[in-house]
């Protein structure tokens, strides 16, 4: 991985100096997900599910621009999430393998 970054750096450092420096300064944080198994890495960088959920939440909260207090907003989002989750029919591809890897990496959380 570091070797691929060095090649990238040689080709693009002149044009994107601040980006290359930022990547160098934050390399450990940017590559932390590589320590996980392939199944978990794919789950981390797949955002379609999250984007779909957020779009559905926006549909429920679009008409309500102002909430009387924070608890009202939280309750509204909670009820919307409950309604949205009833529509989920698809399971995550290879969920059994993903779940097993999550259980191994985070035994006290699952």
C-alpha atoms as a PDB file:
ATOM      1  CA  UNK A   1       0.000   0.000   0.000  1.00  0.00           C
ATOM      2  CA  UNK A   2       2.772   2.397   0.900  1.00  0.00           C
ATOM      3  CA  UNK A   3       4.521   1.602  -2.374  1.00  0.00           C
ATOM      4  CA  UNK A   4       1.372   2.443  -4.366  1.00  0.00           C
ATOM      5  CA  UNK A   5       1.120   5.733  -2.484  1.00  0.00           C
ATOM      6  CA  UNK A   6       4.728   6.577  -3.356  1.00  0.00           C
ATOM      7  CA  UNK A   7       3.968   6.030  -7.052  1.00  0.00           C
ATOM      8  CA  UNK A   8       0.884   8.223  -6.737  1.00  0.00           C
ATOM      9  CA  UNK A   9       2.929  10.845  -4.912  1.00  0.00           C
ATOM     10  CA  UNK A  10       5.567  10.976  -7.649  1.00  0.00           C
ATOM     11  CA  UNK A  11       2.916  11.439 -10.338  1.00  0.00           C
ATOM     12  CA  UNK A  12       0.640  13.954  -8.605  1.00  0.00           C
ATOM     13  CA  UNK A  13       2.522  15.733  -5.820  1.00  0.00           C
ATOM     14  CA  UNK A  14       3.295  18.765  -7.988  1.00  0.00           C
ATOM     15  CA  UNK A  15      -0.361  19.281  -8.864  1.00  0.00           C
ATOM     16  CA  UNK A  16      -1.984  18.243  -5.543  1.00  0.00           C
ATOM     17  CA  UNK A  17       0.642  19.040  -2.930  1.00  0.00           C
ATOM     18  CA  UNK A  18      -1.775  19.798  -0.082  1.00  0.00           C
ATOM     19  CA  UNK A  19      -3.711  16.556  -0.638  1.00  0.00           C
ATOM     20  CA  UNK A  20      -0.531  14.482  -0.693  1.00  0.00           C
ATOM     21  CA  UNK A  21       0.734  16.175   2.481  1.00  0.00           C
ATOM     22  CA  UNK A  22      -2.609  15.619   4.182  1.00  0.00           C
ATOM     23  CA  UNK A  23      -2.504  11.920   3.282  1.00  0.00           C
ATOM     24  CA  UNK A  24       1.049  11.634   4.584  1.00  0.00           C
ATOM     25  CA  UNK A  25       0.168  13.356   7.858  1.00  0.00           C
ATOM     26  CA  UNK A  26      -2.930  11.191   8.392  1.00  0.00           C
ATOM     27  CA  UNK A  27      -1.731   7.925   6.872  1.00  0.00           C
ATOM     28  CA  UNK A  28      -2.461   5.811   9.974  1.00  0.00           C
ATOM     29  CA  UNK A  29      -6.041   7.096  10.195  1.00  0.00           C
ATOM     30  CA  UNK A  30      -6.672   6.742   6.465  1.00  0.00           C
ATOM     31  CA  UNK A  31      -5.490   3.138   6.342  1.00  0.00           C
ATOM     32  CA  UNK A  32      -6.872   1.910   9.685  1.00  0.00           C
ATOM     33  CA  UNK A  33      -9.704   0.040   7.971  1.00  0.00           C
ATOM     34  CA  UNK A  34      -7.139  -2.130   6.157  1.00  0.00           C
ATOM     35  CA  UNK A  35      -6.488  -3.953   9.450  1.00  0.00           C
ATOM     36  CA  UNK A  36      -9.945  -5.548   9.228  1.00  0.00           C
ATOM     37  CA  UNK A  37     -10.854  -8.651   7.207  1.00  0.00           C
ATOM     38  CA  UNK A  38     -12.089  -8.211   3.627  1.00  0.00           C
ATOM     39  CA  UNK A  39     -15.764  -8.687   4.596  1.00  0.00           C
ATOM     40  CA  UNK A  40     -15.683  -5.873   7.142  1.00  0.00           C
ATOM     41  CA  UNK A  41     -13.684  -3.565   4.859  1.00  0.00           C
ATOM     42  CA  UNK A  42     -16.327  -3.900   2.169  1.00  0.00           C
ATOM     43  CA  UNK A  43     -19.031  -3.127   4.714  1.00  0.00           C
ATOM     44  CA  UNK A  44     -17.130  -0.017   5.833  1.00  0.00           C
ATOM     45  CA  UNK A  45     -16.726   1.541   2.398  1.00  0.00           C
ATOM     46  CA  UNK A  46     -20.151   0.602   1.040  1.00  0.00           C
ATOM     47  CA  UNK A  47     -22.394   3.619   1.504  1.00  0.00           C
ATOM     48  CA  UNK A  48     -25.445   2.818  -0.656  1.00  0.00           C
ATOM     49  CA  UNK A  49     -27.394   1.444   2.293  1.00  0.00           C
ATOM     50  CA  UNK A  50     -26.639   4.499   4.420  1.00  0.00           C
ATOM     51  CA  UNK A  51     -27.492   6.908   1.606  1.00  0.00           C
ATOM     52  CA  UNK A  52     -30.798   5.129   0.982  1.00  0.00           C
ATOM     53  CA  UNK A  53     -31.670   5.268   4.682  1.00  0.00           C
ATOM     54  CA  UNK A  54     -30.789   8.977   4.914  1.00  0.00           C
ATOM     55  CA  UNK A  55     -32.872   9.763   1.816  1.00  0.00           C
ATOM     56  CA  UNK A  56     -35.826   7.945   3.351  1.00  0.00           C
ATOM     57  CA  UNK A  57     -35.392   9.867   6.613  1.00  0.00           C
ATOM     58  CA  UNK A  58     -35.380  13.145   4.685  1.00  0.00           C
ATOM     59  CA  UNK A  59     -38.718  12.212   3.109  1.00  0.00           C
ATOM     60  CA  UNK A  60     -40.253  11.818   6.553  1.00  0.00           C
ATOM     61  CA  UNK A  61     -38.756  14.985   8.027  1.00  0.00           C
ATOM     62  CA  UNK A  62     -38.927  17.271   4.966  1.00  0.00           C
ATOM     63  CA  UNK A  63     -42.327  18.745   5.844  1.00  0.00           C
ATOM     64  CA  UNK A  64     -41.368  19.414   9.449  1.00  0.00           C
ATOM     65  CA  UNK A  65     -38.897  22.271   9.363  1.00  0.00           C
ATOM     66  CA  UNK A  66     -39.141  23.152  13.060  1.00  0.00           C
ATOM     67  CA  UNK A  67     -39.543  20.882  16.065  1.00  0.00           C
ATOM     68  CA  UNK A  68     -40.700  22.289  19.425  1.00  0.00           C
ATOM     69  CA  UNK A  69     -37.770  20.643  21.238  1.00  0.00           C
ATOM     70  CA  UNK A  70     -34.974  18.113  20.695  1.00  0.00           C
ATOM     71  CA  UNK A  71     -37.006  15.196  22.029  1.00  0.00           C
ATOM     72  CA  UNK A  72     -39.686  15.818  19.410  1.00  0.00           C
ATOM     73  CA  UNK A  73     -37.079  15.624  16.654  1.00  0.00           C
ATOM     74  CA  UNK A  74     -35.601  12.427  18.104  1.00  0.00           C
ATOM     75  CA  UNK A  75     -39.036  10.820  18.405  1.00  0.00           C
ATOM     76  CA  UNK A  76     -39.892  11.765  14.838  1.00  0.00           C
ATOM     77  CA  UNK A  77     -36.637  10.291  13.524  1.00  0.00           C
ATOM     78  CA  UNK A  78     -37.124   7.161  15.637  1.00  0.00           C
ATOM     79  CA  UNK A  79     -40.635   6.593  14.281  1.00  0.00           C
ATOM     80  CA  UNK A  80     -39.441   7.213  10.735  1.00  0.00           C
ATOM     81  CA  UNK A  81     -36.618   4.694  11.209  1.00  0.00           C
ATOM     82  CA  UNK A  82     -39.112   2.128  12.497  1.00  0.00           C
ATOM     83  CA  UNK A  83     -41.301   2.684   9.460  1.00  0.00           C
ATOM     84  CA  UNK A  84     -38.361   2.529   7.054  1.00  0.00           C
ATOM     85  CA  UNK A  85     -37.014  -0.700   8.557  1.00  0.00           C
ATOM     86  CA  UNK A  86     -40.309  -2.492   7.847  1.00  0.00           C
ATOM     87  CA  UNK A  87     -39.687  -1.990   4.121  1.00  0.00           C
ATOM     88  CA  UNK A  88     -36.273  -3.655   4.141  1.00  0.00           C
ATOM     89  CA  UNK A  89     -36.588  -6.937   2.302  1.00  0.00           C
ATOM     90  CA  UNK A  90     -33.048  -7.468   1.081  1.00  0.00           C
ATOM     91  CA  UNK A  91     -30.388  -9.039   3.220  1.00  0.00           C
ATOM     92  CA  UNK A  92     -26.758  -8.080   2.942  1.00  0.00           C
ATOM     93  CA  UNK A  93     -24.844 -10.310   0.531  1.00  0.00           C
ATOM     94  CA  UNK A  94     -22.813 -12.889   2.512  1.00  0.00           C
ATOM     95  CA  UNK A  95     -24.191 -11.496   5.781  1.00  0.00           C
ATOM     96  CA  UNK A  96     -23.297 -14.704   7.649  1.00  0.00           C
ATOM     97  CA  UNK A  97     -19.601 -14.273   6.861  1.00  0.00           C
ATOM     98  CA  UNK A  98     -19.716 -10.555   7.668  1.00  0.00           C
ATOM     99  CA  UNK A  99     -21.451 -11.219  10.982  1.00  0.00           C
ATOM    100  CA  UNK A 100     -18.878 -13.862  11.918  1.00  0.00           C
ATOM    101  CA  UNK A 101     -16.007 -11.465  11.171  1.00  0.00           C
ATOM    102  CA  UNK A 102     -17.691  -8.704  13.166  1.00  0.00           C
ATOM    103  CA  UNK A 103     -18.153 -11.097  16.063  1.00  0.00           C
ATOM    104  CA  UNK A 104     -14.483 -12.084  15.953  1.00  0.00           C
ATOM    105  CA  UNK A 105     -13.259  -8.467  15.768  1.00  0.00           C
ATOM    106  CA  UNK A 106     -15.791  -7.085  18.281  1.00  0.00           C
ATOM    107  CA  UNK A 107     -16.748  -9.992  20.576  1.00  0.00           C
ATOM    108  CA  UNK A 108     -18.276  -7.884  23.351  1.00  0.00           C
ATOM    109  CA  UNK A 109     -20.378  -5.713  21.053  1.00  0.00           C
ATOM    110  CA  UNK A 110     -22.445  -8.307  19.172  1.00  0.00           C
END
